[in-house]
């Protein structure tokens, strides 16, 4: 619709220019001689009026042309921002949903999203802002891949992990994306927010190692694990080995072997209550001892067998 209106204005302007040229060519002014009546052209007043009308129409045409160009540029800016922001949101949502773990502190805004994945070719995965471009990097040694182009500028990108026990964690994403231009007239920006939850189960293809020593725990009192490999079972504070419903602090379904092949330590308060089996050579019986404190408050290995 806009192109048809623009062509119509352009055609009218051309017809007006041709009429003006023909009229101006008919003027024949000779110094010191009167004009013949049959070849009389426009008077000076008529030419001034015509020039004024022509100028007004030219200014109106140029104003319409400039406005049309500005509208078109604004629409291009909005389209570029919308396309790149949607691609960025879709990419973040895809990787968060398929992640095994969101490795971020809870309820703390950070500038880098770190995700653990089930594949060693992509683990760990980072999404972060450098300058005004958002990058994706897979593995610590991988090459960074730009998720946004130089046509837009991203700022204020933050990621906040929300813990949803006993459900999956979610990530709240905030950022501002603007069309990259120095013209205030053609500027366009959006403030966007996304909250996406992890839906994939936690799977690992290597050892599960905490990021810092003696800091994290496996499970909580409110959400404890039922079993490990269907071999070690938990029931409140009771632990069962081969026993799925332990009724004592430690319940073992099967024999308990003390395979003490290392050197027996000195019996002291730290070893009090420790059982020890001394494996003897051929023709000599084994001995079973326990570290206890006698009536003289001395710690000794007492032989049971």
Protein backbone atom coordinates (compact mmCIF):
# COMPACT_ATOMS: atom_id res chain seq x y z
CA UNK A 1 0.00 0.00 0.00
CA UNK A 2 2.78 2.36 0.86
CA UNK A 3 4.63 1.66 -2.44
CA UNK A 4 1.49 2.45 -4.51
CA UNK A 5 0.99 5.78 -2.73
CA UNK A 6 4.69 6.61 -3.20
CA UNK A 7 4.52 5.90 -6.98
CA UNK A 8 1.37 8.05 -7.32
CA UNK A 9 3.10 11.01 -5.62
CA UNK A 10 6.15 10.47 -7.82
CA UNK A 11 4.07 10.48 -11.07
CA UNK A 12 2.20 13.65 -10.04
CA UNK A 13 5.51 15.36 -9.30
CA UNK A 14 6.82 14.43 -12.77
CA UNK A 15 3.70 15.79 -14.55
CA UNK A 16 3.97 18.99 -12.55
CA UNK A 17 7.62 19.38 -13.53
CA UNK A 18 6.85 18.91 -17.24
CA UNK A 19 4.05 21.52 -17.14
CA UNK A 20 6.34 23.96 -15.38
CA UNK A 21 9.10 23.41 -17.95
CA UNK A 22 6.75 23.96 -20.91
CA UNK A 23 5.28 27.09 -19.35
CA UNK A 24 8.66 28.57 -18.49
CA UNK A 25 9.98 27.89 -22.02
CA UNK A 26 7.15 29.95 -23.51
CA UNK A 27 8.30 33.10 -21.76
CA UNK A 28 10.13 35.33 -24.23
CA UNK A 29 11.49 38.47 -22.65
CA UNK A 30 13.54 40.75 -24.84
CA UNK A 31 15.28 43.82 -23.49
CA UNK A 32 13.94 47.10 -24.98
CA UNK A 33 11.26 45.52 -27.22
CA UNK A 34 7.67 44.75 -26.45
CA UNK A 35 6.38 41.18 -26.59
CA UNK A 36 4.20 40.25 -29.57
CA UNK A 37 0.62 39.71 -28.49
CA UNK A 38 0.35 36.29 -30.17
CA UNK A 39 3.43 34.95 -28.28
CA UNK A 40 2.72 36.36 -24.83
CA UNK A 41 3.72 34.00 -21.94
CA UNK A 42 3.24 34.14 -18.16
CA UNK A 43 3.60 37.40 -16.32
CA UNK A 44 6.15 37.85 -13.51
CA UNK A 45 3.36 37.62 -10.92
CA UNK A 46 2.14 34.35 -12.41
CA UNK A 47 5.66 32.95 -12.40
CA UNK A 48 6.19 33.95 -8.76
CA UNK A 49 2.90 32.31 -7.75
CA UNK A 50 3.76 29.21 -9.75
CA UNK A 51 7.23 29.04 -8.18
CA UNK A 52 5.75 29.40 -4.69
CA UNK A 53 3.22 26.62 -5.32
CA UNK A 54 5.96 24.44 -6.82
CA UNK A 55 8.18 25.00 -3.77
CA UNK A 56 5.37 24.15 -1.36
CA UNK A 57 4.58 20.94 -3.22
CA UNK A 58 8.26 20.00 -3.37
CA UNK A 59 8.65 20.48 0.38
CA UNK A 60 5.51 18.42 1.01
CA UNK A 61 6.76 15.66 -1.26
CA UNK A 62 10.18 15.57 0.37
CA UNK A 63 8.60 15.55 3.84
CA UNK A 64 6.41 12.61 2.87
CA UNK A 65 9.43 10.82 1.43
CA UNK A 66 11.52 11.37 4.58
CA UNK A 67 8.63 10.22 6.79
CA UNK A 68 8.19 7.10 4.70
CA UNK A 69 11.89 6.27 4.95
CA UNK A 70 11.83 6.80 8.73
CA UNK A 71 8.80 4.54 9.14
CA UNK A 72 10.41 1.84 7.02
CA UNK A 73 13.66 2.04 9.02
CA UNK A 74 11.72 1.87 12.29
CA UNK A 75 9.89 -1.22 11.08
CA UNK A 76 13.17 -2.86 10.07
CA UNK A 77 14.65 -2.10 13.52
CA UNK A 78 11.62 -3.59 15.30
CA UNK A 79 11.69 -6.68 13.08
CA UNK A 80 15.42 -7.26 13.72
CA UNK A 81 15.03 -6.89 17.49
CA UNK A 82 12.01 -9.19 17.58
CA UNK A 83 13.70 -11.92 15.53
CA UNK A 84 16.96 -11.97 17.47
CA UNK A 85 15.28 -11.73 20.89
CA UNK A 86 13.00 -14.66 20.03
CA UNK A 87 15.95 -16.75 18.84
CA UNK A 88 17.86 -15.97 22.05
CA UNK A 89 14.89 -16.88 24.25
CA UNK A 90 14.27 -20.12 22.36
CA UNK A 91 17.96 -21.10 22.64
CA UNK A 92 18.11 -20.48 26.39
CA UNK A 93 14.85 -22.36 26.92
CA UNK A 94 16.05 -25.37 24.92
CA UNK A 95 19.32 -25.78 26.80
CA UNK A 96 17.82 -25.20 30.26
CA UNK A 97 15.04 -27.74 29.69
CA UNK A 98 17.45 -30.42 28.47
CA UNK A 99 20.12 -29.80 31.15
CA UNK A 100 20.92 -32.32 33.86
CA UNK A 101 21.78 -29.62 36.39
CA UNK A 102 21.65 -25.83 36.71
CA UNK A 103 24.96 -25.08 38.41
CA UNK A 104 24.16 -21.67 39.91
CA UNK A 105 23.62 -20.42 43.48
CA UNK A 106 19.94 -20.17 44.31
CA UNK A 107 18.19 -16.78 44.33
CA UNK A 108 21.34 -14.93 43.26
CA UNK A 109 21.49 -13.03 39.95
CA UNK A 110 24.57 -13.94 37.89
CA UNK A 111 25.80 -12.87 34.45
CA UNK A 112 26.79 -16.37 33.30
CA UNK A 113 24.49 -19.38 33.00
CA UNK A 114 26.28 -22.68 33.66
CA UNK A 115 24.48 -25.91 32.79
CA UNK A 116 25.61 -29.51 33.22
CA UNK A 117 24.61 -31.90 30.45
CA UNK A 118 24.61 -35.66 29.99
CA UNK A 119 27.04 -35.56 27.05
CA UNK A 120 30.75 -35.03 27.54
CA UNK A 121 30.89 -33.20 24.19
CA UNK A 122 28.77 -30.35 25.55
CA UNK A 123 29.39 -30.47 29.33
CA UNK A 124 29.57 -27.97 30.87
CA UNK A 125 27.61 -25.44 28.81
CA UNK A 126 27.85 -21.67 29.29
CA UNK A 127 25.66 -18.79 28.08
CA UNK A 128 27.04 -15.34 28.86
CA UNK A 129 27.22 -11.70 27.73
CA UNK A 130 30.49 -10.21 26.45
CA UNK A 131 30.28 -6.56 25.43
CA UNK A 132 26.84 -6.34 23.85
CA UNK A 133 26.82 -9.83 22.27
CA UNK A 134 25.49 -13.05 23.88
CA UNK A 135 27.68 -16.14 23.45
CA UNK A 136 27.23 -19.90 23.85
CA UNK A 137 30.20 -22.08 24.79
CA UNK A 138 30.14 -25.88 25.09
CA UNK A 139 32.80 -27.46 27.34
CA UNK A 140 35.50 -25.45 29.10
CA UNK A 141 37.81 -25.63 26.08
CA UNK A 142 35.15 -25.08 23.40
CA UNK A 143 34.94 -22.10 21.06
CA UNK A 144 32.38 -19.40 21.85
CA UNK A 145 29.50 -19.08 19.38
CA UNK A 146 27.62 -15.77 19.04
CA UNK A 147 23.86 -16.00 19.60
CA UNK A 148 23.19 -12.37 18.59
CA UNK A 149 24.62 -10.30 15.73
CA UNK A 150 26.09 -6.81 15.57
CA UNK A 151 22.72 -5.44 14.40
CA UNK A 152 21.47 -5.48 17.99
CA UNK A 153 23.00 -4.69 21.36
CA UNK A 154 22.15 -6.78 24.46
CA UNK A 155 22.60 -5.38 27.97
CA UNK A 156 21.70 -6.18 31.60
CA UNK A 157 21.63 -9.96 30.99
CA UNK A 158 21.15 -11.85 34.27
CA UNK A 159 20.29 -15.44 35.23
CA UNK A 160 18.68 -16.37 38.56
CA UNK A 161 18.21 -19.96 39.68
CA UNK A 162 14.99 -20.76 41.56
CA UNK A 163 14.96 -23.97 43.60
CA UNK A 164 11.60 -25.77 43.49
CA UNK A 165 12.01 -28.75 45.81
CA UNK A 166 10.96 -31.45 45.28
CA UNK A 167 10.43 -30.39 41.64
CA UNK A 168 12.95 -29.30 39.04
CA UNK A 169 14.86 -26.05 39.31
CA UNK A 170 13.97 -23.11 37.08
CA UNK A 171 15.96 -20.19 35.69
CA UNK A 172 14.72 -16.61 35.52
CA UNK A 173 16.26 -14.67 32.60
CA UNK A 174 16.26 -10.86 32.24
CA UNK A 175 17.84 -8.75 29.50
CA UNK A 176 17.43 -5.64 27.33
CA UNK A 177 17.91 -5.84 23.57
CA UNK A 178 18.09 -2.75 21.34
CA UNK A 179 18.63 -2.01 17.65
CA UNK A 180 22.24 -1.00 17.13
CA UNK A 181 22.01 2.55 15.76
CA UNK A 182 23.21 6.05 16.69
CA UNK A 183 19.97 7.67 15.50
CA UNK A 184 17.45 8.31 18.24
CA UNK A 185 14.67 8.46 15.63
CA UNK A 186 15.33 4.90 14.47
CA UNK A 187 16.02 3.43 17.90
CA UNK A 188 13.98 0.47 19.14
CA UNK A 189 14.47 -1.71 22.24
CA UNK A 190 12.70 -4.31 24.38
CA UNK A 191 12.99 -5.40 28.02
CA UNK A 192 12.38 -9.15 28.16
CA UNK A 193 11.94 -11.72 30.91
CA UNK A 194 11.74 -15.50 30.72
CA UNK A 195 11.28 -18.18 33.35
CA UNK A 196 12.01 -21.74 32.24
CA UNK A 197 12.21 -24.96 34.24
CA UNK A 198 14.57 -27.88 33.72
CA UNK A 199 12.61 -30.93 32.56
CA UNK A 200 15.38 -33.47 31.89
CA UNK A 201 16.42 -36.05 34.45
CA UNK A 202 19.89 -35.74 35.95
CA UNK A 203 22.20 -38.17 34.15
CA UNK A 204 25.98 -38.34 34.34
CA UNK A 205 28.68 -40.04 32.33
CA UNK A 206 31.50 -39.36 34.79
CA UNK A 207 32.12 -39.11 38.53
CA UNK A 208 29.81 -36.83 40.51
CA UNK A 209 32.25 -34.41 42.12
CA UNK A 210 31.26 -31.30 44.12
CA UNK A 211 32.66 -27.96 43.00
CA UNK A 212 34.12 -27.28 46.47
CA UNK A 213 35.38 -29.54 49.27
CA UNK A 214 33.24 -30.44 52.29
CA UNK A 215 30.43 -28.03 51.35
CA UNK A 216 27.51 -29.85 49.73
CA UNK A 217 25.29 -32.71 50.96
CA UNK A 218 23.47 -35.48 49.14
CA UNK A 219 19.78 -35.05 49.93
CA UNK A 220 18.12 -33.31 52.87
CA UNK A 221 16.12 -34.35 55.92
CA UNK A 222 12.88 -33.45 54.15
CA UNK A 223 13.80 -35.04 50.80
CA UNK A 224 16.01 -38.05 51.49
CA UNK A 225 17.09 -40.71 49.01
CA UNK A 226 15.32 -44.09 49.10
CA UNK A 227 18.24 -46.19 47.92
CA UNK A 228 21.54 -46.23 46.10
CA UNK A 229 21.69 -48.75 43.25
CA UNK A 230 18.93 -50.74 45.01
CA UNK A 231 21.61 -52.03 47.38
CA UNK A 232 21.90 -49.48 50.18
CA UNK A 233 18.49 -48.47 51.53
CA UNK A 234 17.40 -45.65 53.81
CA UNK A 235 14.48 -45.47 56.20
CA UNK A 236 14.47 -42.40 58.40
CA UNK A 237 17.83 -42.61 60.19
CA UNK A 238 18.23 -46.37 59.58
CA UNK A 239 20.49 -47.80 56.88
CA UNK A 240 20.06 -51.20 55.33
CA UNK A 241 22.56 -53.10 53.22
CA UNK A 242 20.55 -55.57 51.17
CA UNK A 243 17.62 -54.88 53.51
CA UNK A 244 14.99 -52.65 51.84
CA UNK A 245 13.21 -51.73 55.11
CA UNK A 246 15.89 -51.48 57.82
CA UNK A 247 14.50 -51.53 61.36
CA UNK A 248 17.81 -50.76 63.12
CA UNK A 249 20.46 -48.11 62.74
CA UNK A 250 22.38 -50.61 60.59
CA UNK A 251 20.81 -53.76 59.24
CA UNK A 252 22.72 -56.13 56.99
CA UNK A 253 21.02 -58.85 54.99
CA UNK A 254 23.88 -61.34 54.77
CA UNK A 255 27.26 -61.87 56.37
CA UNK A 256 29.55 -59.14 57.67
CA UNK A 257 33.21 -59.67 56.92
CA UNK A 258 36.12 -57.91 58.64
CA UNK A 259 38.87 -58.11 56.09
CA UNK A 260 41.61 -56.48 58.12
CA UNK A 261 44.76 -57.18 56.17
CA UNK A 262 46.49 -53.94 57.16
CA UNK A 263 48.50 -53.43 60.33
CA UNK A 264 46.45 -53.27 63.51
CA UNK A 265 46.48 -49.75 64.99
CA UNK A 266 47.14 -48.91 68.60
CA UNK A 267 44.02 -49.15 70.73
CA UNK A 268 43.10 -45.64 71.90
CA UNK A 269 39.99 -43.56 72.54
CA UNK A 270 39.59 -42.93 68.81
CA UNK A 271 39.51 -46.72 68.13
CA UNK A 272 37.29 -47.59 71.10
CA UNK A 273 34.67 -50.17 70.03
CA UNK A 274 36.59 -51.24 66.92
CA UNK A 275 36.62 -54.93 66.05
CA UNK A 276 39.71 -56.38 64.46
CA UNK A 277 40.42 -59.76 62.88
CA UNK A 278 44.03 -60.91 62.86
CA UNK A 279 44.51 -63.33 60.00
CA UNK A 280 47.17 -65.88 61.02
CA UNK A 281 49.29 -68.18 58.89
CA UNK A 282 48.95 -71.90 58.30
CA UNK A 283 48.48 -73.99 61.46
CA UNK A 284 47.70 -70.92 63.63
CA UNK A 285 44.16 -69.84 64.48
CA UNK A 286 42.91 -66.37 63.70
CA UNK A 287 42.02 -64.01 66.51
CA UNK A 288 39.16 -61.57 66.90
CA UNK A 289 39.81 -58.57 69.12
CA UNK A 290 37.94 -55.47 70.20
CA UNK A 291 39.39 -52.19 71.43
CA UNK A 292 38.00 -51.46 74.91
CA UNK A 293 38.82 -49.54 78.08
CA UNK A 294 39.49 -51.63 81.22
CA UNK A 295 38.91 -50.77 84.86
CA UNK A 296 42.28 -49.01 85.03
CA UNK A 297 41.10 -46.62 82.27
CA UNK A 298 43.65 -48.13 79.92
CA UNK A 299 42.76 -48.93 76.33
CA UNK A 300 43.55 -52.52 75.28
CA UNK A 301 42.79 -55.00 72.57
CA UNK A 302 40.67 -57.67 74.26
CA UNK A 303 40.68 -61.06 72.53
CA UNK A 304 37.23 -62.49 71.84
CA UNK A 305 38.39 -65.61 69.98
